[in-house]
Amino acid sequence: MEEESAALEAEKKAEQLKTKRLQEYTIQSHSSVPHNNTYANFERFAHVLEDVSLMERGLSEVAVAHHSLQGDIEALLTIYNDKESWYKEESETARKHLSQVRYEFCKVEATRRLLQEDLKSMDASLESISGKYDHRQSQLDALRQELSTELRWLEEVMGSLQHGRGQQQQGEYAIRNEGSAASVLQEGTEH
C-alpha cells in the first residue's frame, strides 16, 4: 500500500513537472510573437493539460481505491466461505450427534418396553405363586386342624383305656403321645 502511494506521488510530481515545463516552453517560444489568439489557445491548452493531469491522478487514486476495495471484498469472501464451511461442519456434526441421540433414545425406549413387559409377566407369576402359596397354606391349616382333632380323639381313647393304670404311667404315655403328635404335625407342614 505504501509503495503504491509512493508511486502515485512520484507520478503526480512528474505530471506537474511536465505541465510546468510545457507552460515555460509555451511562454518562451511565443514571447517574441505578439499577443494574439494563438497565445490564448496555448494558455487554454496548458490548462486543459493540467486538468487532464489532475483527472489522471484522480483516476489513478480511484484505481488504487478500487484495488484496495477489491482486496477487502476478496478477504471478506474468504472469511465468509471459511465461516460457511465451518457452520456446515458444525451443522453436520450436530445432525450426526442428534441422530445418534435419537438412536440411543429408541434403544432405551425399546429396552424400557421390554422391561415393562417382563415386570408385568413377573407380577403375573408372583400373583400365581402367591395364590398357590395361599392355597397350600389353607390346605395345611385344614390338615393341622384335622390332625389336632384326631390327636384329641386318640388321647381320649387312650385315656379311657389306661384309666385303670396309675397316674405315673398315664403321664409317661401322654408325654410320648405329645412327642409323636408333634412329629406328625411337623411332617404334615413339610408336605
N, C-alpha and C. Protein backbone atom coordinates (compact mmCIF):
# COMPACT_ATOMS: atom_id res chain seq x y z
N MET A 1 0.83 -1.19 0.00
CA MET A 1 0.00 0.00 0.00
C MET A 1 0.87 1.25 0.00
N GLU A 2 1.94 1.27 0.82
CA GLU A 2 2.85 2.41 0.88
C GLU A 2 3.59 2.57 -0.44
N GLU A 3 3.94 1.45 -1.06
CA GLU A 3 4.64 1.50 -2.35
C GLU A 3 3.74 2.14 -3.41
N GLU A 4 2.45 1.80 -3.38
CA GLU A 4 1.52 2.36 -4.36
C GLU A 4 1.37 3.86 -4.16
N SER A 5 1.26 4.33 -2.90
CA SER A 5 1.12 5.77 -2.68
C SER A 5 2.41 6.49 -3.04
N ALA A 6 3.57 5.86 -2.80
CA ALA A 6 4.84 6.48 -3.19
C ALA A 6 4.91 6.59 -4.71
N ALA A 7 4.42 5.56 -5.40
CA ALA A 7 4.42 5.57 -6.86
C ALA A 7 3.47 6.66 -7.37
N LEU A 8 2.34 6.83 -6.72
CA LEU A 8 1.38 7.87 -7.11
C LEU A 8 1.96 9.26 -6.90
N GLU A 9 2.65 9.46 -5.78
CA GLU A 9 3.30 10.76 -5.52
C GLU A 9 4.33 11.08 -6.58
N ALA A 10 5.12 10.08 -6.93
CA ALA A 10 6.15 10.29 -7.96
C ALA A 10 5.50 10.62 -9.30
N GLU A 11 4.41 9.95 -9.62
CA GLU A 11 3.70 10.18 -10.87
C GLU A 11 3.08 11.59 -10.88
N LYS A 12 2.56 11.99 -9.75
CA LYS A 12 1.94 13.32 -9.62
C LYS A 12 2.99 14.41 -9.86
N LYS A 13 4.17 14.23 -9.23
CA LYS A 13 5.24 15.21 -9.39
C LYS A 13 5.71 15.27 -10.84
N ALA A 14 5.78 14.12 -11.49
CA ALA A 14 6.21 14.07 -12.89
C ALA A 14 5.21 14.81 -13.78
N GLU A 15 3.92 14.64 -13.51
CA GLU A 15 2.89 15.33 -14.31
C GLU A 15 2.96 16.84 -14.09
N GLN A 16 3.16 17.25 -12.83
CA GLN A 16 3.26 18.69 -12.54
C GLN A 16 4.48 19.29 -13.24
N LEU A 17 5.56 18.52 -13.22
CA LEU A 17 6.79 18.97 -13.88
C LEU A 17 6.56 19.12 -15.39
N LYS A 18 5.88 18.16 -15.99
CA LYS A 18 5.58 18.23 -17.42
C LYS A 18 4.75 19.46 -17.73
N THR A 19 3.72 19.68 -16.89
CA THR A 19 2.84 20.83 -17.11
C THR A 19 3.61 22.13 -16.99
N LYS A 20 4.46 22.21 -15.98
CA LYS A 20 5.25 23.43 -15.76
C LYS A 20 6.21 23.67 -16.93
N ARG A 21 6.85 22.61 -17.37
CA ARG A 21 7.78 22.75 -18.50
C ARG A 21 7.05 23.17 -19.77
N LEU A 22 5.87 22.61 -19.99
CA LEU A 22 5.08 22.96 -21.16
C LEU A 22 4.70 24.44 -21.12
N GLN A 23 4.34 24.92 -19.92
CA GLN A 23 3.99 26.34 -19.80
C GLN A 23 5.20 27.22 -20.10
N GLU A 24 6.36 26.83 -19.50
CA GLU A 24 7.59 27.61 -19.74
C GLU A 24 7.96 27.62 -21.22
N TYR A 25 7.85 26.46 -21.86
CA TYR A 25 8.18 26.35 -23.28
C TYR A 25 7.24 27.23 -24.10
N THR A 26 5.97 27.17 -23.74
CA THR A 26 4.99 27.96 -24.49
C THR A 26 5.29 29.44 -24.36
N ILE A 27 5.62 29.89 -23.13
CA ILE A 27 5.91 31.30 -22.91
C ILE A 27 7.17 31.70 -23.65
N GLN A 28 8.22 30.88 -23.58
CA GLN A 28 9.48 31.22 -24.24
C GLN A 28 9.34 31.23 -25.76
N SER A 29 8.67 30.26 -26.28
CA SER A 29 8.59 30.18 -27.73
C SER A 29 7.68 31.26 -28.31
N HIS A 30 6.76 31.73 -27.55
CA HIS A 30 5.84 32.73 -28.08
C HIS A 30 6.05 34.12 -27.50
N SER A 31 7.15 34.33 -26.79
CA SER A 31 7.38 35.66 -26.22
C SER A 31 7.65 36.70 -27.29
N SER A 32 8.23 36.27 -28.37
CA SER A 32 8.50 37.21 -29.46
C SER A 32 7.29 37.44 -30.32
N VAL A 33 6.32 36.52 -30.22
CA VAL A 33 5.12 36.63 -31.03
C VAL A 33 4.18 37.62 -30.35
N PRO A 34 3.59 38.45 -31.10
CA PRO A 34 2.65 39.39 -30.49
C PRO A 34 1.44 38.65 -29.91
N HIS A 35 0.90 39.30 -28.89
CA HIS A 35 -0.26 38.67 -28.24
C HIS A 35 -1.41 38.60 -29.21
N ASN A 36 -1.81 37.41 -29.38
CA ASN A 36 -2.96 37.21 -30.24
C ASN A 36 -3.73 35.97 -29.78
N ASN A 37 -4.59 35.53 -30.61
CA ASN A 37 -5.46 34.42 -30.30
C ASN A 37 -4.69 33.11 -30.12
N THR A 38 -3.58 32.91 -30.79
CA THR A 38 -2.79 31.69 -30.72
C THR A 38 -2.22 31.51 -29.32
N TYR A 39 -1.73 32.63 -28.74
CA TYR A 39 -1.17 32.55 -27.39
C TYR A 39 -2.24 32.14 -26.39
N ALA A 40 -3.42 32.70 -26.57
CA ALA A 40 -4.53 32.36 -25.66
C ALA A 40 -4.89 30.88 -25.82
N ASN A 41 -4.84 30.40 -27.04
CA ASN A 41 -5.11 28.98 -27.27
C ASN A 41 -4.09 28.10 -26.57
N PHE A 42 -2.82 28.50 -26.62
CA PHE A 42 -1.77 27.75 -25.93
C PHE A 42 -2.00 27.76 -24.42
N GLU A 43 -2.42 28.92 -23.91
CA GLU A 43 -2.73 29.01 -22.46
C GLU A 43 -3.86 28.05 -22.11
N ARG A 44 -4.89 28.09 -22.92
CA ARG A 44 -6.01 27.17 -22.67
C ARG A 44 -5.57 25.72 -22.79
N PHE A 45 -4.73 25.43 -23.76
CA PHE A 45 -4.23 24.08 -23.94
C PHE A 45 -3.43 23.63 -22.70
N ALA A 46 -2.64 24.55 -22.15
CA ALA A 46 -1.86 24.25 -20.95
C ALA A 46 -2.80 23.95 -19.78
N HIS A 47 -3.88 24.75 -19.65
CA HIS A 47 -4.85 24.50 -18.57
C HIS A 47 -5.57 23.16 -18.77
N VAL A 48 -5.88 22.86 -20.04
CA VAL A 48 -6.53 21.57 -20.33
C VAL A 48 -5.59 20.42 -19.95
N LEU A 49 -4.31 20.55 -20.30
CA LEU A 49 -3.34 19.52 -19.93
C LEU A 49 -3.25 19.37 -18.41
N GLU A 50 -3.28 20.52 -17.73
CA GLU A 50 -3.26 20.47 -16.27
C GLU A 50 -4.49 19.75 -15.73
N ASP A 51 -5.66 20.07 -16.31
CA ASP A 51 -6.91 19.41 -15.88
C ASP A 51 -6.87 17.91 -16.19
N VAL A 52 -6.33 17.57 -17.37
CA VAL A 52 -6.21 16.16 -17.74
C VAL A 52 -5.29 15.45 -16.75
N SER A 53 -4.19 16.13 -16.38
CA SER A 53 -3.26 15.56 -15.42
C SER A 53 -3.96 15.33 -14.08
N LEU A 54 -4.74 16.31 -13.64
CA LEU A 54 -5.48 16.16 -12.38
C LEU A 54 -6.48 15.00 -12.47
N MET A 55 -7.14 14.92 -13.63
CA MET A 55 -8.10 13.83 -13.82
C MET A 55 -7.39 12.48 -13.81
N GLU A 56 -6.22 12.41 -14.44
CA GLU A 56 -5.47 11.15 -14.45
C GLU A 56 -5.06 10.76 -13.03
N ARG A 57 -4.63 11.78 -12.25
CA ARG A 57 -4.28 11.50 -10.86
C ARG A 57 -5.49 10.99 -10.09
N GLY A 58 -6.63 11.65 -10.30
CA GLY A 58 -7.87 11.22 -9.64
C GLY A 58 -8.26 9.80 -10.04
N LEU A 59 -8.11 9.52 -11.34
CA LEU A 59 -8.43 8.17 -11.81
C LEU A 59 -7.48 7.13 -11.23
N SER A 60 -6.19 7.49 -11.13
CA SER A 60 -5.25 6.53 -10.54
C SER A 60 -5.56 6.32 -9.06
N GLU A 61 -6.00 7.37 -8.35
CA GLU A 61 -6.41 7.21 -6.94
C GLU A 61 -7.65 6.32 -6.85
N VAL A 62 -8.59 6.53 -7.81
CA VAL A 62 -9.78 5.68 -7.84
C VAL A 62 -9.38 4.23 -8.11
N ALA A 63 -8.40 4.04 -9.02
CA ALA A 63 -7.94 2.69 -9.33
C ALA A 63 -7.31 2.04 -8.10
N VAL A 64 -6.50 2.83 -7.35
CA VAL A 64 -5.89 2.30 -6.12
C VAL A 64 -6.98 1.95 -5.11
N ALA A 65 -7.96 2.85 -4.96
CA ALA A 65 -9.06 2.59 -4.02
C ALA A 65 -9.85 1.36 -4.47
N HIS A 66 -10.06 1.24 -5.80
CA HIS A 66 -10.78 0.07 -6.33
C HIS A 66 -10.01 -1.20 -6.04
N HIS A 67 -8.67 -1.13 -6.25
CA HIS A 67 -7.83 -2.30 -5.98
C HIS A 67 -7.89 -2.67 -4.49
N SER A 68 -7.80 -1.66 -3.63
CA SER A 68 -7.88 -1.90 -2.18
C SER A 68 -9.25 -2.48 -1.81
N LEU A 69 -10.31 -1.89 -2.40
CA LEU A 69 -11.66 -2.38 -2.13
C LEU A 69 -11.82 -3.82 -2.63
N GLN A 70 -11.24 -4.12 -3.78
CA GLN A 70 -11.30 -5.47 -4.32
C GLN A 70 -10.62 -6.46 -3.37
N GLY A 71 -9.46 -6.04 -2.82
CA GLY A 71 -8.76 -6.88 -1.83
C GLY A 71 -9.61 -7.10 -0.59
N ASP A 72 -10.27 -6.04 -0.13
CA ASP A 72 -11.15 -6.17 1.05
C ASP A 72 -12.31 -7.11 0.75
N ILE A 73 -12.88 -6.98 -0.44
CA ILE A 73 -14.00 -7.85 -0.82
C ILE A 73 -13.55 -9.30 -0.89
N GLU A 74 -12.37 -9.53 -1.46
CA GLU A 74 -11.84 -10.90 -1.53
C GLU A 74 -11.59 -11.46 -0.14
N ALA A 75 -11.05 -10.61 0.76
CA ALA A 75 -10.82 -11.05 2.14
C ALA A 75 -12.14 -11.40 2.82
N LEU A 76 -13.16 -10.54 2.62
CA LEU A 76 -14.48 -10.80 3.20
C LEU A 76 -15.09 -12.08 2.63
N LEU A 77 -14.92 -12.28 1.32
CA LEU A 77 -15.43 -13.52 0.71
C LEU A 77 -14.73 -14.75 1.28
N THR A 78 -13.42 -14.64 1.48
CA THR A 78 -12.68 -15.75 2.07
C THR A 78 -13.18 -16.04 3.48
N ILE A 79 -13.37 -14.97 4.27
CA ILE A 79 -13.88 -15.14 5.64
C ILE A 79 -15.27 -15.76 5.59
N TYR A 80 -16.11 -15.26 4.68
CA TYR A 80 -17.47 -15.79 4.56
C TYR A 80 -17.45 -17.27 4.20
N ASN A 81 -16.61 -17.62 3.22
CA ASN A 81 -16.52 -19.03 2.81
C ASN A 81 -16.02 -19.92 3.95
N ASP A 82 -15.00 -19.40 4.69
CA ASP A 82 -14.49 -20.16 5.83
C ASP A 82 -15.58 -20.36 6.87
N LYS A 83 -16.30 -19.28 7.18
CA LYS A 83 -17.38 -19.38 8.17
C LYS A 83 -18.48 -20.32 7.68
N GLU A 84 -18.81 -20.21 6.40
CA GLU A 84 -19.86 -21.07 5.85
C GLU A 84 -19.47 -22.54 5.96
N SER A 85 -18.22 -22.85 5.61
CA SER A 85 -17.78 -24.25 5.70
C SER A 85 -17.74 -24.70 7.16
N TRP A 86 -17.31 -23.79 8.08
CA TRP A 86 -17.31 -24.13 9.50
C TRP A 86 -18.72 -24.41 9.99
N TYR A 87 -19.67 -23.54 9.60
CA TYR A 87 -21.06 -23.74 10.01
C TYR A 87 -21.62 -25.04 9.43
N LYS A 88 -21.25 -25.35 8.19
CA LYS A 88 -21.70 -26.61 7.59
C LYS A 88 -21.16 -27.80 8.38
N GLU A 89 -19.86 -27.73 8.73
CA GLU A 89 -19.26 -28.82 9.51
C GLU A 89 -19.95 -28.96 10.86
N GLU A 90 -20.17 -27.81 11.53
CA GLU A 90 -20.83 -27.85 12.83
C GLU A 90 -22.25 -28.39 12.71
N SER A 91 -22.93 -27.96 11.65
CA SER A 91 -24.30 -28.43 11.43
C SER A 91 -24.32 -29.93 11.18
N GLU A 92 -23.37 -30.40 10.40
CA GLU A 92 -23.29 -31.84 10.11
C GLU A 92 -22.96 -32.62 11.39
N THR A 93 -22.03 -32.09 12.18
CA THR A 93 -21.68 -32.73 13.45
C THR A 93 -22.89 -32.78 14.37
N ALA A 94 -23.61 -31.64 14.46
CA ALA A 94 -24.81 -31.60 15.32
C ALA A 94 -25.87 -32.56 14.81
N ARG A 95 -26.03 -32.65 13.48
CA ARG A 95 -27.02 -33.56 12.91
C ARG A 95 -26.66 -35.01 13.23
N LYS A 96 -25.37 -35.35 13.09
CA LYS A 96 -24.94 -36.71 13.41
C LYS A 96 -25.15 -37.01 14.89
N HIS A 97 -24.80 -36.02 15.74
CA HIS A 97 -24.97 -36.21 17.18
C HIS A 97 -26.44 -36.39 17.52
N LEU A 98 -27.29 -35.58 16.92
CA LEU A 98 -28.73 -35.69 17.16
C LEU A 98 -29.25 -37.04 16.69
N SER A 99 -28.77 -37.48 15.54
CA SER A 99 -29.17 -38.79 15.03
C SER A 99 -28.75 -39.90 15.99
N GLN A 100 -27.52 -39.80 16.52
CA GLN A 100 -27.04 -40.79 17.49
C GLN A 100 -27.89 -40.76 18.75
N VAL A 101 -28.24 -39.55 19.22
CA VAL A 101 -29.07 -39.43 20.42
C VAL A 101 -30.45 -40.03 20.17
N ARG A 102 -31.01 -39.79 18.99
CA ARG A 102 -32.31 -40.39 18.66
C ARG A 102 -32.23 -41.91 18.66
N TYR A 103 -31.15 -42.43 18.06
CA TYR A 103 -30.96 -43.88 18.00
C TYR A 103 -30.86 -44.46 19.42
N GLU A 104 -30.05 -43.80 20.27
CA GLU A 104 -29.90 -44.26 21.65
C GLU A 104 -31.24 -44.17 22.39
N PHE A 105 -31.99 -43.10 22.14
CA PHE A 105 -33.29 -42.94 22.79
C PHE A 105 -34.23 -44.07 22.37
N CYS A 106 -34.23 -44.39 21.08
CA CYS A 106 -35.08 -45.50 20.60
C CYS A 106 -34.68 -46.82 21.26
N LYS A 107 -33.36 -47.05 21.39
CA LYS A 107 -32.90 -48.27 22.06
C LYS A 107 -33.37 -48.30 23.51
N VAL A 108 -33.24 -47.16 24.19
CA VAL A 108 -33.65 -47.10 25.60
C VAL A 108 -35.15 -47.32 25.72
N GLU A 109 -35.92 -46.72 24.79
CA GLU A 109 -37.38 -46.91 24.80
C GLU A 109 -37.74 -48.38 24.59
N ALA A 110 -37.07 -49.04 23.65
CA ALA A 110 -37.34 -50.46 23.39
C ALA A 110 -36.99 -51.29 24.63
N THR A 111 -35.87 -50.99 25.24
CA THR A 111 -35.47 -51.70 26.46
C THR A 111 -36.48 -51.46 27.58
N ARG A 112 -36.94 -50.21 27.70
CA ARG A 112 -37.92 -49.88 28.73
C ARG A 112 -39.22 -50.67 28.52
N ARG A 113 -39.67 -50.73 27.25
CA ARG A 113 -40.89 -51.51 26.96
C ARG A 113 -40.71 -52.98 27.30
N LEU A 114 -39.53 -53.54 26.93
CA LEU A 114 -39.26 -54.95 27.25
C LEU A 114 -39.26 -55.17 28.77
N LEU A 115 -38.64 -54.23 29.49
CA LEU A 115 -38.61 -54.35 30.95
C LEU A 115 -40.02 -54.27 31.53
N GLN A 116 -40.84 -53.38 30.97
CA GLN A 116 -42.22 -53.28 31.46
C GLN A 116 -42.97 -54.59 31.22
N GLU A 117 -42.78 -55.17 30.04
CA GLU A 117 -43.42 -56.45 29.75
C GLU A 117 -42.91 -57.54 30.70
N ASP A 118 -41.59 -57.55 30.96
CA ASP A 118 -41.02 -58.52 31.89
C ASP A 118 -41.60 -58.32 33.29
N LEU A 119 -41.73 -57.04 33.70
CA LEU A 119 -42.30 -56.77 35.02
C LEU A 119 -43.75 -57.24 35.10
N LYS A 120 -44.51 -57.02 34.02
CA LYS A 120 -45.91 -57.48 34.02
C LYS A 120 -45.97 -59.00 34.14
N SER A 121 -45.13 -59.71 33.37
CA SER A 121 -45.15 -61.17 33.43
C SER A 121 -44.65 -61.64 34.80
N MET A 122 -43.67 -60.92 35.38
CA MET A 122 -43.19 -61.28 36.70
C MET A 122 -44.28 -61.06 37.75
N ASP A 123 -45.02 -59.94 37.62
CA ASP A 123 -46.14 -59.69 38.53
C ASP A 123 -47.18 -60.81 38.43
N ALA A 124 -47.47 -61.21 37.20
CA ALA A 124 -48.44 -62.29 37.00
C ALA A 124 -47.93 -63.59 37.63
N SER A 125 -46.63 -63.87 37.45
CA SER A 125 -46.05 -65.08 38.04
C SER A 125 -46.10 -65.01 39.56
N LEU A 126 -45.78 -63.83 40.11
CA LEU A 126 -45.81 -63.67 41.56
C LEU A 126 -47.23 -63.83 42.10
N GLU A 127 -48.21 -63.30 41.37
CA GLU A 127 -49.61 -63.47 41.79
C GLU A 127 -50.00 -64.94 41.76
N SER A 128 -49.57 -65.65 40.73
CA SER A 128 -49.87 -67.08 40.62
C SER A 128 -49.22 -67.83 41.77
N ILE A 129 -47.94 -67.52 42.04
CA ILE A 129 -47.23 -68.19 43.14
C ILE A 129 -47.90 -67.85 44.47
N SER A 130 -48.28 -66.59 44.63
CA SER A 130 -48.94 -66.17 45.87
C SER A 130 -50.27 -66.92 46.04
N GLY A 131 -51.02 -67.06 44.96
CA GLY A 131 -52.28 -67.82 45.01
C GLY A 131 -52.03 -69.27 45.41
N LYS A 132 -51.00 -69.88 44.79
CA LYS A 132 -50.67 -71.26 45.13
C LYS A 132 -50.24 -71.37 46.58
N TYR A 133 -49.45 -70.41 47.04
CA TYR A 133 -48.99 -70.42 48.43
C TYR A 133 -50.19 -70.31 49.38
N ASP A 134 -51.12 -69.39 49.09
CA ASP A 134 -52.31 -69.24 49.94
C ASP A 134 -53.13 -70.53 49.95
N HIS A 135 -53.26 -71.16 48.78
CA HIS A 135 -54.00 -72.42 48.69
C HIS A 135 -53.33 -73.49 49.55
N ARG A 136 -52.00 -73.62 49.43
CA ARG A 136 -51.26 -74.63 50.21
C ARG A 136 -51.38 -74.32 51.71
N GLN A 137 -51.31 -73.03 52.03
CA GLN A 137 -51.39 -72.64 53.43
C GLN A 137 -52.76 -73.02 54.01
N SER A 138 -53.82 -72.80 53.24
CA SER A 138 -55.16 -73.16 53.73
C SER A 138 -55.29 -74.69 53.85
N GLN A 139 -54.67 -75.42 52.89
CA GLN A 139 -54.68 -76.89 52.99
C GLN A 139 -53.96 -77.35 54.25
N LEU A 140 -52.79 -76.72 54.50
CA LEU A 140 -52.03 -77.10 55.70
C LEU A 140 -52.80 -76.76 56.98
N ASP A 141 -53.45 -75.61 56.98
CA ASP A 141 -54.26 -75.25 58.15
C ASP A 141 -55.38 -76.27 58.37
N ALA A 142 -56.02 -76.69 57.28
CA ALA A 142 -57.09 -77.69 57.39
C ALA A 142 -56.52 -79.01 57.90
N LEU A 143 -55.37 -79.43 57.37
CA LEU A 143 -54.74 -80.66 57.83
C LEU A 143 -54.34 -80.56 59.29
N ARG A 144 -53.81 -79.41 59.69
CA ARG A 144 -53.41 -79.22 61.07
C ARG A 144 -54.61 -79.35 62.00
N GLN A 145 -55.70 -78.72 61.58
CA GLN A 145 -56.93 -78.81 62.39
C GLN A 145 -57.42 -80.26 62.47
N GLU A 146 -57.41 -80.91 61.31
CA GLU A 146 -57.86 -82.30 61.27
C GLU A 146 -56.98 -83.18 62.15
N LEU A 147 -55.67 -82.98 62.06
CA LEU A 147 -54.73 -83.75 62.86
C LEU A 147 -54.91 -83.47 64.34
N SER A 148 -55.13 -82.22 64.65
CA SER A 148 -55.34 -81.85 66.05
C SER A 148 -56.59 -82.53 66.60
N THR A 149 -57.65 -82.56 65.79
CA THR A 149 -58.89 -83.24 66.19
C THR A 149 -58.64 -84.72 66.37
N GLU A 150 -57.90 -85.31 65.43
CA GLU A 150 -57.59 -86.74 65.51
C GLU A 150 -56.77 -87.03 66.76
N LEU A 151 -55.83 -86.19 67.08
CA LEU A 151 -54.98 -86.39 68.26
C LEU A 151 -55.81 -86.30 69.55
N ARG A 152 -56.72 -85.36 69.59
CA ARG A 152 -57.58 -85.26 70.78
C ARG A 152 -58.42 -86.52 70.95
N TRP A 153 -58.97 -87.00 69.85
CA TRP A 153 -59.77 -88.22 69.90
C TRP A 153 -58.93 -89.40 70.36
N LEU A 154 -57.68 -89.46 69.81
CA LEU A 154 -56.76 -90.53 70.18
C LEU A 154 -56.42 -90.45 71.67
N GLU A 155 -56.19 -89.22 72.14
CA GLU A 155 -55.87 -89.05 73.56
C GLU A 155 -57.05 -89.50 74.44
N GLU A 156 -58.24 -89.18 73.99
CA GLU A 156 -59.42 -89.59 74.77
C GLU A 156 -59.54 -91.13 74.81
N VAL A 157 -59.33 -91.75 73.68
CA VAL A 157 -59.39 -93.21 73.61
C VAL A 157 -58.32 -93.80 74.51
N MET A 158 -57.11 -93.29 74.38
CA MET A 158 -56.00 -93.80 75.18
C MET A 158 -56.25 -93.53 76.67
N GLY A 159 -56.85 -92.36 76.93
CA GLY A 159 -57.13 -92.02 78.33
C GLY A 159 -58.14 -92.99 78.93
N SER A 160 -59.13 -93.37 78.18
CA SER A 160 -60.14 -94.29 78.70
C SER A 160 -59.56 -95.69 78.85
N LEU A 161 -58.62 -96.10 77.95
CA LEU A 161 -58.00 -97.42 78.04
C LEU A 161 -57.10 -97.51 79.27
N GLN A 162 -56.46 -96.47 79.55
CA GLN A 162 -55.49 -96.53 80.63
C GLN A 162 -56.03 -95.94 81.92
N HIS A 163 -57.31 -95.78 82.02
CA HIS A 163 -57.90 -95.19 83.20
C HIS A 163 -57.56 -96.00 84.45
N GLY A 164 -57.45 -97.24 84.24
CA GLY A 164 -57.19 -98.12 85.36
C GLY A 164 -55.73 -98.11 85.80
N ARG A 165 -54.87 -97.73 85.03
CA ARG A 165 -53.45 -97.75 85.41
C ARG A 165 -53.13 -96.54 86.27
N GLY A 166 -51.97 -96.48 86.73
CA GLY A 166 -51.57 -95.42 87.66
C GLY A 166 -51.31 -94.08 86.97
N GLN A 167 -51.26 -93.11 87.83
CA GLN A 167 -51.08 -91.73 87.36
C GLN A 167 -49.72 -91.57 86.69
N GLN A 168 -48.76 -92.28 87.14
CA GLN A 168 -47.41 -92.13 86.59
C GLN A 168 -47.36 -92.68 85.18
N GLN A 169 -47.99 -93.86 84.97
CA GLN A 169 -47.97 -94.46 83.65
C GLN A 169 -48.74 -93.58 82.67
N GLN A 170 -49.80 -93.04 83.14
CA GLN A 170 -50.60 -92.19 82.26
C GLN A 170 -49.81 -90.94 81.83
N GLY A 171 -49.02 -90.38 82.73
CA GLY A 171 -48.22 -89.20 82.41
C GLY A 171 -47.15 -89.49 81.39
N GLU A 172 -46.46 -90.65 81.53
CA GLU A 172 -45.42 -91.01 80.59
C GLU A 172 -46.00 -91.25 79.20
N TYR A 173 -47.16 -91.89 79.17
CA TYR A 173 -47.78 -92.17 77.88
C TYR A 173 -48.21 -90.87 77.19
N ALA A 174 -48.69 -89.96 77.95
CA ALA A 174 -49.14 -88.67 77.38
C ALA A 174 -47.95 -87.90 76.81
N ILE A 175 -46.81 -87.99 77.49
CA ILE A 175 -45.61 -87.30 77.02
C ILE A 175 -45.17 -87.90 75.69
N ARG A 176 -45.20 -89.25 75.60
CA ARG A 176 -44.81 -89.91 74.35
C ARG A 176 -45.78 -89.54 73.23
N ASN A 177 -47.05 -89.52 73.55
CA ASN A 177 -48.05 -89.17 72.53
C ASN A 177 -47.89 -87.73 72.04
N GLU A 178 -47.56 -86.82 72.92
CA GLU A 178 -47.36 -85.43 72.50
C GLU A 178 -46.15 -85.31 71.59
N GLY A 179 -45.08 -86.06 71.90
CA GLY A 179 -43.88 -86.05 71.06
C GLY A 179 -44.18 -86.61 69.69
N SER A 180 -44.95 -87.74 69.64
CA SER A 180 -45.27 -88.33 68.34
C SER A 180 -46.25 -87.45 67.59
N ALA A 181 -47.17 -86.78 68.29
CA ALA A 181 -48.12 -85.87 67.63
C ALA A 181 -47.38 -84.68 67.05
N ALA A 182 -46.39 -84.20 67.76
CA ALA A 182 -45.61 -83.06 67.27
C ALA A 182 -44.84 -83.46 66.03
N SER A 183 -44.27 -84.69 66.00
CA SER A 183 -43.53 -85.11 64.80
C SER A 183 -44.47 -85.31 63.63
N VAL A 184 -45.68 -85.78 63.88
CA VAL A 184 -46.65 -85.95 62.80
C VAL A 184 -47.06 -84.58 62.26
N LEU A 185 -47.25 -83.62 63.15
CA LEU A 185 -47.58 -82.25 62.73
C LEU A 185 -46.45 -81.65 61.87
N GLN A 186 -45.23 -81.89 62.31
CA GLN A 186 -44.09 -81.37 61.59
C GLN A 186 -44.02 -81.98 60.20
N GLU A 187 -44.25 -83.28 60.08
CA GLU A 187 -44.24 -83.95 58.76
C GLU A 187 -45.34 -83.39 57.87
N GLY A 188 -46.49 -83.08 58.46
CA GLY A 188 -47.61 -82.53 57.68
C GLY A 188 -47.28 -81.15 57.12
N THR A 189 -46.58 -80.31 57.88
CA THR A 189 -46.23 -78.97 57.39
C THR A 189 -45.16 -79.03 56.33
N GLU A 190 -44.30 -80.02 56.38
CA GLU A 190 -43.24 -80.16 55.36
C GLU A 190 -43.83 -80.58 54.03
N HIS A 191 -44.92 -81.34 54.02
CA HIS A 191 -45.53 -81.78 52.78
C HIS A 191 -46.30 -80.63 52.23
